[in-house]
Amino acid sequence: MKLFMTKPFRKYSKVLIILCAVLLSFLWSCKSSTNNSKPSITASIDFTVLEKGSHGNFTNKQERIISDQITLQDIYNTINGTRKPGLPVPEVDFSKYQVAFITSGERSTGGYSIAIDTIVREEEQTILYIGGESPKPGDYVTTVITAPFILVKFEKQSVPVVFRYSLHK
């Protein structure tokens, strides 16, 4: 009992009380501010790669959602511009599906590719995660102009589709 009556304890007791009050206040605020909302990811969406290659004949980078057969035909016309024979244009039921077209545009060498890592449906949007490869300094690559591209088909979405890159540039 004498320990609590000494002057050093009285001197530091006010500091200890303040520290305890601050700690309890912090713990209480953490507990009361927990987020009870549902996670925003609701589903992973299956997709089918319709076409993928390194010579798409598109000079500029593009990300597009295709929702009709005529636009898909136009994309294939450009892809097939230097191919003999050309790639066949797939028939897509656009009442059920949509197609994503991604191209990086022209690259000065080989070693580049585009891939779809995953497609995720969230409450307010669908996110199409784009990956792929690019050559590292010193890698041996072909010295030819390339234009990597990919076309994927997935279930038609009622929310906007957003493109996000994880490609190492």
N, C-alpha and C. Protein backbone atom coordinates (compact mmCIF):
# COMPACT_ATOMS: atom_id res chain seq x y z
N MET A 1 0.81 -1.18 0.00
CA MET A 1 0.00 0.00 0.00
C MET A 1 0.86 1.26 0.00
N LYS A 2 2.02 1.16 0.62
CA LYS A 2 2.91 2.30 0.67
C LYS A 2 3.44 2.65 -0.72
N LEU A 3 3.53 1.63 -1.61
CA LEU A 3 4.02 1.84 -2.97
C LEU A 3 3.16 2.86 -3.72
N PHE A 4 1.87 2.81 -3.52
CA PHE A 4 0.96 3.70 -4.22
C PHE A 4 0.97 5.12 -3.66
N MET A 5 1.54 5.31 -2.52
CA MET A 5 1.54 6.63 -1.90
C MET A 5 2.83 7.40 -2.16
N THR A 6 3.79 6.78 -2.78
CA THR A 6 5.06 7.47 -2.98
C THR A 6 4.89 8.58 -4.01
N LYS A 7 5.75 9.56 -3.98
CA LYS A 7 5.68 10.71 -4.88
C LYS A 7 5.86 10.32 -6.35
N PRO A 8 6.81 9.41 -6.70
CA PRO A 8 6.94 9.06 -8.13
C PRO A 8 5.66 8.46 -8.70
N PHE A 9 4.96 7.63 -7.90
CA PHE A 9 3.73 7.03 -8.40
C PHE A 9 2.68 8.11 -8.64
N ARG A 10 2.53 9.04 -7.69
CA ARG A 10 1.56 10.11 -7.86
C ARG A 10 1.90 10.97 -9.08
N LYS A 11 3.17 11.14 -9.33
CA LYS A 11 3.62 11.94 -10.44
C LYS A 11 3.22 11.30 -11.77
N TYR A 12 3.38 9.98 -11.86
CA TYR A 12 3.10 9.27 -13.11
C TYR A 12 1.67 8.74 -13.19
N SER A 13 0.93 8.79 -12.13
CA SER A 13 -0.43 8.25 -12.14
C SER A 13 -1.32 9.04 -13.10
N LYS A 14 -1.15 10.35 -13.16
CA LYS A 14 -1.94 11.15 -14.08
C LYS A 14 -1.64 10.77 -15.53
N VAL A 15 -0.36 10.53 -15.83
CA VAL A 15 0.03 10.14 -17.18
C VAL A 15 -0.56 8.78 -17.52
N LEU A 16 -0.49 7.83 -16.57
CA LEU A 16 -1.05 6.49 -16.79
C LEU A 16 -2.56 6.55 -17.02
N ILE A 17 -3.24 7.38 -16.25
CA ILE A 17 -4.70 7.49 -16.41
C ILE A 17 -5.03 8.06 -17.79
N ILE A 18 -4.29 9.07 -18.22
CA ILE A 18 -4.52 9.66 -19.54
C ILE A 18 -4.23 8.65 -20.64
N LEU A 19 -3.12 7.91 -20.52
CA LEU A 19 -2.79 6.89 -21.52
C LEU A 19 -3.86 5.80 -21.58
N CYS A 20 -4.36 5.36 -20.44
CA CYS A 20 -5.42 4.34 -20.42
C CYS A 20 -6.69 4.87 -21.07
N ALA A 21 -7.02 6.14 -20.79
CA ALA A 21 -8.21 6.71 -21.39
C ALA A 21 -8.07 6.82 -22.91
N VAL A 22 -6.91 7.22 -23.38
CA VAL A 22 -6.67 7.32 -24.82
C VAL A 22 -6.74 5.94 -25.46
N LEU A 23 -6.13 4.94 -24.83
CA LEU A 23 -6.14 3.56 -25.35
C LEU A 23 -7.56 3.01 -25.41
N LEU A 24 -8.33 3.21 -24.35
CA LEU A 24 -9.72 2.73 -24.34
C LEU A 24 -10.55 3.46 -25.41
N SER A 25 -10.32 4.74 -25.57
CA SER A 25 -11.03 5.51 -26.59
C SER A 25 -10.71 4.98 -27.98
N PHE A 26 -9.43 4.70 -28.23
CA PHE A 26 -9.01 4.16 -29.53
C PHE A 26 -9.64 2.80 -29.78
N LEU A 27 -9.59 1.92 -28.80
CA LEU A 27 -10.19 0.59 -28.95
C LEU A 27 -11.69 0.69 -29.17
N TRP A 28 -12.36 1.57 -28.49
CA TRP A 28 -13.80 1.73 -28.65
C TRP A 28 -14.13 2.24 -30.06
N SER A 29 -13.34 3.19 -30.57
CA SER A 29 -13.62 3.72 -31.91
C SER A 29 -13.35 2.68 -32.98
N CYS A 30 -12.35 1.82 -32.81
CA CYS A 30 -12.10 0.75 -33.77
C CYS A 30 -13.26 -0.23 -33.80
N LYS A 31 -13.78 -0.56 -32.65
CA LYS A 31 -14.89 -1.51 -32.57
C LYS A 31 -16.15 -0.92 -33.19
N SER A 32 -16.42 0.34 -32.95
CA SER A 32 -17.67 0.93 -33.44
C SER A 32 -17.61 1.30 -34.91
N SER A 33 -16.41 1.34 -35.52
CA SER A 33 -16.33 1.73 -36.93
C SER A 33 -16.13 0.56 -37.86
N THR A 34 -16.39 -0.65 -37.42
CA THR A 34 -16.25 -1.79 -38.31
C THR A 34 -17.26 -1.68 -39.42
N ASN A 35 -16.84 -2.10 -40.61
CA ASN A 35 -17.68 -2.00 -41.79
C ASN A 35 -18.52 -3.26 -41.90
N ASN A 36 -19.82 -3.10 -41.77
CA ASN A 36 -20.73 -4.24 -41.84
C ASN A 36 -21.28 -4.45 -43.24
N SER A 37 -20.78 -3.70 -44.24
CA SER A 37 -21.30 -3.85 -45.60
C SER A 37 -20.77 -5.13 -46.24
N LYS A 38 -21.50 -5.61 -47.23
CA LYS A 38 -21.11 -6.81 -47.94
C LYS A 38 -19.87 -6.52 -48.77
N PRO A 39 -19.04 -7.54 -49.02
CA PRO A 39 -17.92 -7.31 -49.93
C PRO A 39 -18.45 -6.96 -51.32
N SER A 40 -17.69 -6.15 -52.07
CA SER A 40 -18.19 -5.70 -53.36
C SER A 40 -18.08 -6.77 -54.44
N ILE A 41 -17.21 -7.75 -54.27
CA ILE A 41 -17.09 -8.80 -55.27
C ILE A 41 -18.25 -9.77 -55.10
N THR A 42 -18.99 -9.95 -56.17
CA THR A 42 -20.13 -10.86 -56.09
C THR A 42 -19.91 -12.13 -56.89
N ALA A 43 -19.10 -12.09 -57.95
CA ALA A 43 -18.91 -13.31 -58.73
C ALA A 43 -17.73 -13.17 -59.68
N SER A 44 -17.09 -14.30 -59.93
CA SER A 44 -16.08 -14.39 -60.97
C SER A 44 -16.79 -14.87 -62.23
N ILE A 45 -16.48 -14.27 -63.35
CA ILE A 45 -17.19 -14.57 -64.60
C ILE A 45 -16.31 -15.43 -65.50
N ASP A 46 -16.89 -16.51 -66.00
CA ASP A 46 -16.18 -17.36 -66.96
C ASP A 46 -16.09 -16.65 -68.29
N PHE A 47 -15.02 -16.92 -69.03
CA PHE A 47 -14.84 -16.33 -70.35
C PHE A 47 -14.17 -17.33 -71.27
N THR A 48 -14.33 -17.10 -72.56
CA THR A 48 -13.72 -17.94 -73.60
C THR A 48 -12.87 -17.06 -74.48
N VAL A 49 -11.62 -17.48 -74.72
CA VAL A 49 -10.76 -16.75 -75.64
C VAL A 49 -11.17 -17.12 -77.06
N LEU A 50 -11.62 -16.13 -77.83
CA LEU A 50 -12.00 -16.35 -79.22
C LEU A 50 -10.79 -16.32 -80.14
N GLU A 51 -9.88 -15.38 -79.86
CA GLU A 51 -8.69 -15.23 -80.68
C GLU A 51 -7.63 -14.51 -79.89
N LYS A 52 -6.38 -14.86 -80.17
CA LYS A 52 -5.25 -14.24 -79.49
C LYS A 52 -4.06 -14.32 -80.43
N GLY A 53 -3.27 -13.26 -80.49
CA GLY A 53 -2.11 -13.31 -81.36
C GLY A 53 -1.20 -12.12 -81.19
N SER A 54 -0.13 -12.12 -81.98
CA SER A 54 0.84 -11.03 -81.89
C SER A 54 0.81 -10.11 -83.10
N HIS A 55 -0.06 -10.41 -84.09
CA HIS A 55 -0.14 -9.58 -85.28
C HIS A 55 -1.60 -9.21 -85.56
N GLY A 56 -2.08 -8.21 -84.83
CA GLY A 56 -3.47 -7.79 -84.96
C GLY A 56 -3.69 -6.65 -85.94
N ASN A 57 -2.59 -6.03 -86.41
CA ASN A 57 -2.66 -4.94 -87.39
C ASN A 57 -3.31 -3.67 -86.86
N PHE A 58 -3.40 -3.51 -85.55
CA PHE A 58 -3.91 -2.28 -84.96
C PHE A 58 -2.73 -1.45 -84.48
N THR A 59 -2.66 -0.19 -84.90
CA THR A 59 -1.50 0.63 -84.56
C THR A 59 -1.61 1.28 -83.19
N ASN A 60 -2.83 1.47 -82.69
CA ASN A 60 -3.04 2.14 -81.41
C ASN A 60 -3.61 1.19 -80.37
N LYS A 61 -3.30 1.48 -79.12
CA LYS A 61 -3.85 0.72 -78.00
C LYS A 61 -5.36 0.91 -77.95
N GLN A 62 -6.09 -0.20 -77.71
CA GLN A 62 -7.55 -0.13 -77.64
C GLN A 62 -8.07 -1.12 -76.61
N GLU A 63 -9.15 -0.74 -75.95
CA GLU A 63 -9.96 -1.65 -75.14
C GLU A 63 -11.40 -1.36 -75.53
N ARG A 64 -12.09 -2.38 -76.03
CA ARG A 64 -13.46 -2.16 -76.51
C ARG A 64 -14.34 -3.33 -76.10
N ILE A 65 -15.59 -3.01 -75.87
CA ILE A 65 -16.63 -4.02 -75.69
C ILE A 65 -17.42 -4.06 -76.99
N ILE A 66 -17.50 -5.24 -77.56
CA ILE A 66 -18.20 -5.43 -78.82
C ILE A 66 -19.55 -6.05 -78.51
N SER A 67 -20.61 -5.46 -79.05
CA SER A 67 -21.95 -5.94 -78.73
C SER A 67 -22.78 -6.30 -79.97
N ASP A 68 -22.10 -6.39 -81.14
CA ASP A 68 -22.84 -6.79 -82.34
C ASP A 68 -21.89 -7.48 -83.33
N GLN A 69 -22.46 -8.28 -84.21
CA GLN A 69 -21.69 -9.09 -85.15
C GLN A 69 -20.98 -8.23 -86.20
N ILE A 70 -21.56 -7.10 -86.58
CA ILE A 70 -20.95 -6.23 -87.59
C ILE A 70 -19.63 -5.65 -87.07
N THR A 71 -19.62 -5.19 -85.82
CA THR A 71 -18.39 -4.64 -85.23
C THR A 71 -17.34 -5.74 -85.09
N LEU A 72 -17.76 -6.92 -84.71
CA LEU A 72 -16.83 -8.05 -84.62
C LEU A 72 -16.23 -8.35 -85.99
N GLN A 73 -17.05 -8.32 -87.02
CA GLN A 73 -16.57 -8.53 -88.39
C GLN A 73 -15.53 -7.47 -88.77
N ASP A 74 -15.77 -6.21 -88.40
CA ASP A 74 -14.82 -5.14 -88.69
C ASP A 74 -13.47 -5.38 -88.01
N ILE A 75 -13.51 -5.84 -86.76
CA ILE A 75 -12.27 -6.15 -86.03
C ILE A 75 -11.51 -7.25 -86.78
N TYR A 76 -12.21 -8.30 -87.16
CA TYR A 76 -11.57 -9.40 -87.88
C TYR A 76 -11.06 -8.95 -89.26
N ASN A 77 -11.73 -8.04 -89.90
CA ASN A 77 -11.24 -7.52 -91.18
C ASN A 77 -9.87 -6.89 -91.02
N THR A 78 -9.67 -6.13 -89.95
CA THR A 78 -8.36 -5.51 -89.69
C THR A 78 -7.33 -6.58 -89.33
N ILE A 79 -7.70 -7.51 -88.45
CA ILE A 79 -6.78 -8.59 -88.07
C ILE A 79 -6.35 -9.39 -89.30
N ASN A 80 -7.30 -9.65 -90.20
CA ASN A 80 -7.03 -10.46 -91.39
C ASN A 80 -6.43 -9.67 -92.54
N GLY A 81 -6.18 -8.38 -92.34
CA GLY A 81 -5.67 -7.53 -93.41
C GLY A 81 -4.38 -8.03 -94.04
N THR A 82 -3.54 -8.71 -93.31
CA THR A 82 -2.27 -9.23 -93.84
C THR A 82 -2.19 -10.75 -93.75
N ARG A 83 -3.30 -11.41 -93.58
CA ARG A 83 -3.31 -12.88 -93.46
C ARG A 83 -3.94 -13.50 -94.69
N LYS A 84 -3.32 -14.55 -95.16
CA LYS A 84 -3.88 -15.33 -96.25
C LYS A 84 -3.71 -16.80 -95.90
N PRO A 85 -4.71 -17.55 -95.64
CA PRO A 85 -6.11 -17.15 -95.51
C PRO A 85 -6.34 -16.45 -94.18
N GLY A 86 -7.43 -15.74 -94.10
CA GLY A 86 -7.77 -15.01 -92.88
C GLY A 86 -8.36 -15.93 -91.82
N LEU A 87 -8.40 -15.43 -90.61
CA LEU A 87 -9.03 -16.17 -89.51
C LEU A 87 -10.55 -16.13 -89.68
N PRO A 88 -11.24 -17.24 -89.40
CA PRO A 88 -12.70 -17.22 -89.52
C PRO A 88 -13.32 -16.37 -88.40
N VAL A 89 -14.38 -15.68 -88.75
CA VAL A 89 -15.09 -14.83 -87.77
C VAL A 89 -16.08 -15.72 -87.03
N PRO A 90 -15.97 -15.81 -85.70
CA PRO A 90 -16.92 -16.65 -84.96
C PRO A 90 -18.30 -16.02 -84.90
N GLU A 91 -19.31 -16.85 -84.89
CA GLU A 91 -20.69 -16.37 -84.70
C GLU A 91 -20.94 -16.29 -83.20
N VAL A 92 -21.35 -15.13 -82.72
CA VAL A 92 -21.60 -14.91 -81.30
C VAL A 92 -23.06 -14.52 -81.12
N ASP A 93 -23.72 -15.13 -80.14
CA ASP A 93 -25.09 -14.75 -79.81
C ASP A 93 -25.03 -13.52 -78.89
N PHE A 94 -25.12 -12.34 -79.50
CA PHE A 94 -24.95 -11.10 -78.74
C PHE A 94 -26.15 -10.77 -77.85
N SER A 95 -27.20 -11.58 -77.90
CA SER A 95 -28.29 -11.39 -76.94
C SER A 95 -27.89 -11.97 -75.58
N LYS A 96 -26.91 -12.88 -75.56
CA LYS A 96 -26.45 -13.52 -74.32
C LYS A 96 -25.02 -13.15 -73.94
N TYR A 97 -24.21 -12.81 -74.93
CA TYR A 97 -22.78 -12.59 -74.70
C TYR A 97 -22.33 -11.25 -75.23
N GLN A 98 -21.16 -10.83 -74.73
CA GLN A 98 -20.46 -9.68 -75.29
C GLN A 98 -19.01 -10.09 -75.45
N VAL A 99 -18.28 -9.33 -76.25
CA VAL A 99 -16.89 -9.66 -76.55
C VAL A 99 -16.02 -8.47 -76.16
N ALA A 100 -14.92 -8.76 -75.48
CA ALA A 100 -13.94 -7.72 -75.16
C ALA A 100 -12.78 -7.85 -76.13
N PHE A 101 -12.36 -6.73 -76.69
CA PHE A 101 -11.21 -6.68 -77.59
C PHE A 101 -10.17 -5.77 -76.98
N ILE A 102 -8.96 -6.29 -76.82
CA ILE A 102 -7.86 -5.51 -76.24
C ILE A 102 -6.65 -5.67 -77.15
N THR A 103 -6.03 -4.55 -77.49
CA THR A 103 -4.78 -4.58 -78.24
C THR A 103 -3.84 -3.54 -77.65
N SER A 104 -2.55 -3.84 -77.68
CA SER A 104 -1.57 -2.89 -77.16
C SER A 104 -1.11 -1.93 -78.23
N GLY A 105 -1.57 -2.13 -79.48
CA GLY A 105 -1.06 -1.31 -80.58
C GLY A 105 0.28 -1.86 -81.03
N GLU A 106 0.94 -1.11 -81.91
CA GLU A 106 2.21 -1.59 -82.46
C GLU A 106 3.32 -1.58 -81.42
N ARG A 107 4.13 -2.63 -81.48
CA ARG A 107 5.34 -2.76 -80.67
C ARG A 107 6.51 -2.95 -81.63
N SER A 108 7.67 -2.45 -81.26
CA SER A 108 8.82 -2.49 -82.18
C SER A 108 9.53 -3.84 -82.21
N THR A 109 9.18 -4.74 -81.28
CA THR A 109 9.81 -6.07 -81.26
C THR A 109 8.78 -7.11 -80.86
N GLY A 110 9.20 -8.34 -80.89
CA GLY A 110 8.39 -9.42 -80.34
C GLY A 110 8.56 -9.48 -78.83
N GLY A 111 7.97 -10.49 -78.22
CA GLY A 111 8.11 -10.67 -76.77
C GLY A 111 6.96 -10.10 -75.96
N TYR A 112 6.00 -9.48 -76.63
CA TYR A 112 4.84 -8.90 -75.96
C TYR A 112 3.64 -9.82 -76.13
N SER A 113 2.80 -9.88 -75.12
CA SER A 113 1.53 -10.61 -75.23
C SER A 113 0.50 -9.96 -74.34
N ILE A 114 -0.76 -10.26 -74.63
CA ILE A 114 -1.88 -9.79 -73.81
C ILE A 114 -2.67 -11.01 -73.38
N ALA A 115 -3.09 -11.01 -72.12
CA ALA A 115 -3.90 -12.10 -71.58
C ALA A 115 -4.96 -11.52 -70.66
N ILE A 116 -6.02 -12.26 -70.46
CA ILE A 116 -7.03 -11.88 -69.48
C ILE A 116 -6.78 -12.73 -68.25
N ASP A 117 -6.47 -12.08 -67.13
CA ASP A 117 -6.22 -12.80 -65.89
C ASP A 117 -7.53 -13.30 -65.28
N THR A 118 -8.51 -12.42 -65.20
CA THR A 118 -9.81 -12.78 -64.64
C THR A 118 -10.83 -11.69 -64.97
N ILE A 119 -12.09 -12.06 -64.89
CA ILE A 119 -13.18 -11.09 -65.02
C ILE A 119 -14.01 -11.22 -63.76
N VAL A 120 -14.24 -10.10 -63.07
CA VAL A 120 -14.93 -10.11 -61.79
C VAL A 120 -16.13 -9.18 -61.84
N ARG A 121 -17.27 -9.68 -61.42
CA ARG A 121 -18.49 -8.87 -61.36
C ARG A 121 -18.61 -8.29 -59.96
N GLU A 122 -18.71 -6.98 -59.87
CA GLU A 122 -18.96 -6.30 -58.61
C GLU A 122 -20.36 -5.69 -58.68
N GLU A 123 -20.79 -5.07 -57.61
CA GLU A 123 -22.14 -4.50 -57.57
C GLU A 123 -22.35 -3.44 -58.64
N GLU A 124 -21.38 -2.55 -58.82
CA GLU A 124 -21.56 -1.40 -59.70
C GLU A 124 -20.84 -1.52 -61.04
N GLN A 125 -19.98 -2.53 -61.19
CA GLN A 125 -19.19 -2.65 -62.42
C GLN A 125 -18.66 -4.07 -62.58
N THR A 126 -18.23 -4.37 -63.79
CA THR A 126 -17.53 -5.61 -64.08
C THR A 126 -16.10 -5.21 -64.42
N ILE A 127 -15.13 -5.85 -63.77
CA ILE A 127 -13.73 -5.50 -63.99
C ILE A 127 -13.05 -6.62 -64.77
N LEU A 128 -12.44 -6.25 -65.87
CA LEU A 128 -11.70 -7.16 -66.71
C LEU A 128 -10.22 -6.90 -66.43
N TYR A 129 -9.55 -7.84 -65.75
CA TYR A 129 -8.15 -7.69 -65.39
C TYR A 129 -7.27 -8.21 -66.52
N ILE A 130 -6.44 -7.33 -67.06
CA ILE A 130 -5.61 -7.64 -68.22
C ILE A 130 -4.17 -7.85 -67.77
N GLY A 131 -3.61 -8.96 -68.19
CA GLY A 131 -2.21 -9.26 -67.90
C GLY A 131 -1.46 -9.48 -69.20
N GLY A 132 -0.38 -10.19 -69.11
CA GLY A 132 0.42 -10.49 -70.29
C GLY A 132 1.89 -10.38 -69.97
N GLU A 133 2.68 -10.29 -71.00
CA GLU A 133 4.13 -10.22 -70.83
C GLU A 133 4.71 -9.13 -71.69
N SER A 134 5.84 -8.63 -71.25
CA SER A 134 6.63 -7.72 -72.07
C SER A 134 8.10 -8.07 -71.82
N PRO A 135 8.94 -7.89 -72.84
CA PRO A 135 10.34 -8.30 -72.68
C PRO A 135 11.08 -7.41 -71.69
N LYS A 136 12.00 -8.03 -71.00
CA LYS A 136 12.86 -7.29 -70.08
C LYS A 136 14.11 -6.81 -70.84
N PRO A 137 14.76 -5.78 -70.36
CA PRO A 137 15.99 -5.33 -71.03
C PRO A 137 16.99 -6.48 -71.13
N GLY A 138 17.52 -6.67 -72.31
CA GLY A 138 18.50 -7.73 -72.53
C GLY A 138 17.90 -9.04 -73.03
N ASP A 139 16.56 -9.18 -73.01
CA ASP A 139 15.92 -10.39 -73.54
C ASP A 139 16.13 -10.46 -75.05
N TYR A 140 16.29 -11.68 -75.55
CA TYR A 140 16.36 -11.88 -76.99
C TYR A 140 14.94 -11.96 -77.54
N VAL A 141 14.64 -11.07 -78.46
CA VAL A 141 13.31 -11.02 -79.05
C VAL A 141 13.45 -10.85 -80.56
N THR A 142 12.39 -11.17 -81.29
CA THR A 142 12.41 -10.98 -82.72
C THR A 142 12.37 -9.48 -83.04
N THR A 143 13.05 -9.12 -84.12
CA THR A 143 13.06 -7.71 -84.52
C THR A 143 12.04 -7.53 -85.64
N VAL A 144 10.79 -7.59 -85.26
CA VAL A 144 9.69 -7.42 -86.19
C VAL A 144 8.59 -6.63 -85.46
N ILE A 145 7.88 -5.80 -86.21
CA ILE A 145 6.80 -5.04 -85.60
C ILE A 145 5.65 -5.99 -85.28
N THR A 146 5.17 -5.93 -84.05
CA THR A 146 4.06 -6.78 -83.62
C THR A 146 2.93 -5.89 -83.11
N ALA A 147 1.76 -6.47 -82.99
CA ALA A 147 0.59 -5.76 -82.45
C ALA A 147 -0.26 -6.79 -81.69
N PRO A 148 0.14 -7.13 -80.46
CA PRO A 148 -0.58 -8.15 -79.69
C PRO A 148 -2.04 -7.78 -79.46
N PHE A 149 -2.90 -8.81 -79.46
CA PHE A 149 -4.33 -8.58 -79.27
C PHE A 149 -4.96 -9.82 -78.65
N ILE A 150 -6.16 -9.64 -78.10
CA ILE A 150 -6.95 -10.75 -77.59
C ILE A 150 -8.43 -10.38 -77.72
N LEU A 151 -9.24 -11.38 -78.03
CA LEU A 151 -10.70 -11.26 -78.07
C LEU A 151 -11.26 -12.33 -77.14
N VAL A 152 -12.09 -11.92 -76.17
CA VAL A 152 -12.71 -12.89 -75.25
C VAL A 152 -14.21 -12.68 -75.22
N LYS A 153 -14.92 -13.79 -75.10
CA LYS A 153 -16.39 -13.76 -75.03
C LYS A 153 -16.78 -14.10 -73.59
N PHE A 154 -17.74 -13.33 -73.06
CA PHE A 154 -18.26 -13.61 -71.72
C PHE A 154 -19.72 -13.18 -71.65
N GLU A 155 -20.39 -13.65 -70.62
CA GLU A 155 -21.81 -13.37 -70.46
C GLU A 155 -22.07 -11.87 -70.44
N LYS A 156 -23.14 -11.46 -71.12
CA LYS A 156 -23.53 -10.05 -71.21
C LYS A 156 -23.76 -9.50 -69.80
N GLN A 157 -23.22 -8.30 -69.56
CA GLN A 157 -23.30 -7.67 -68.24
C GLN A 157 -24.27 -6.50 -68.27
N SER A 158 -24.96 -6.29 -67.15
CA SER A 158 -25.90 -5.17 -67.04
C SER A 158 -25.24 -3.94 -66.42
N VAL A 159 -23.99 -4.06 -66.01
CA VAL A 159 -23.23 -2.94 -65.44
C VAL A 159 -22.05 -2.63 -66.36
N PRO A 160 -21.46 -1.44 -66.25
CA PRO A 160 -20.32 -1.09 -67.11
C PRO A 160 -19.13 -2.03 -66.91
N VAL A 161 -18.39 -2.25 -68.00
CA VAL A 161 -17.16 -3.05 -67.95
C VAL A 161 -15.98 -2.10 -67.89
N VAL A 162 -15.09 -2.34 -66.93
CA VAL A 162 -13.91 -1.51 -66.71
C VAL A 162 -12.68 -2.37 -66.98
N PHE A 163 -11.68 -1.80 -67.64
CA PHE A 163 -10.44 -2.52 -67.93
C PHE A 163 -9.36 -2.07 -66.93
N ARG A 164 -8.69 -3.06 -66.31
CA ARG A 164 -7.58 -2.77 -65.39
C ARG A 164 -6.38 -3.60 -65.80
N TYR A 165 -5.22 -2.95 -65.86
CA TYR A 165 -4.00 -3.60 -66.30
C TYR A 165 -3.14 -4.07 -65.15
N SER A 166 -2.61 -5.28 -65.31
CA SER A 166 -1.57 -5.78 -64.42
C SER A 166 -0.34 -6.12 -65.23
N LEU A 167 -0.36 -5.77 -66.53
CA LEU A 167 0.73 -6.03 -67.45
C LEU A 167 1.95 -5.25 -67.03
N HIS A 168 3.09 -5.93 -66.96
CA HIS A 168 4.35 -5.25 -66.61
C HIS A 168 4.87 -4.54 -67.85
N LYS A 169 4.97 -3.22 -67.75
CA LYS A 169 5.37 -2.43 -68.91
C LYS A 169 6.79 -1.95 -68.76
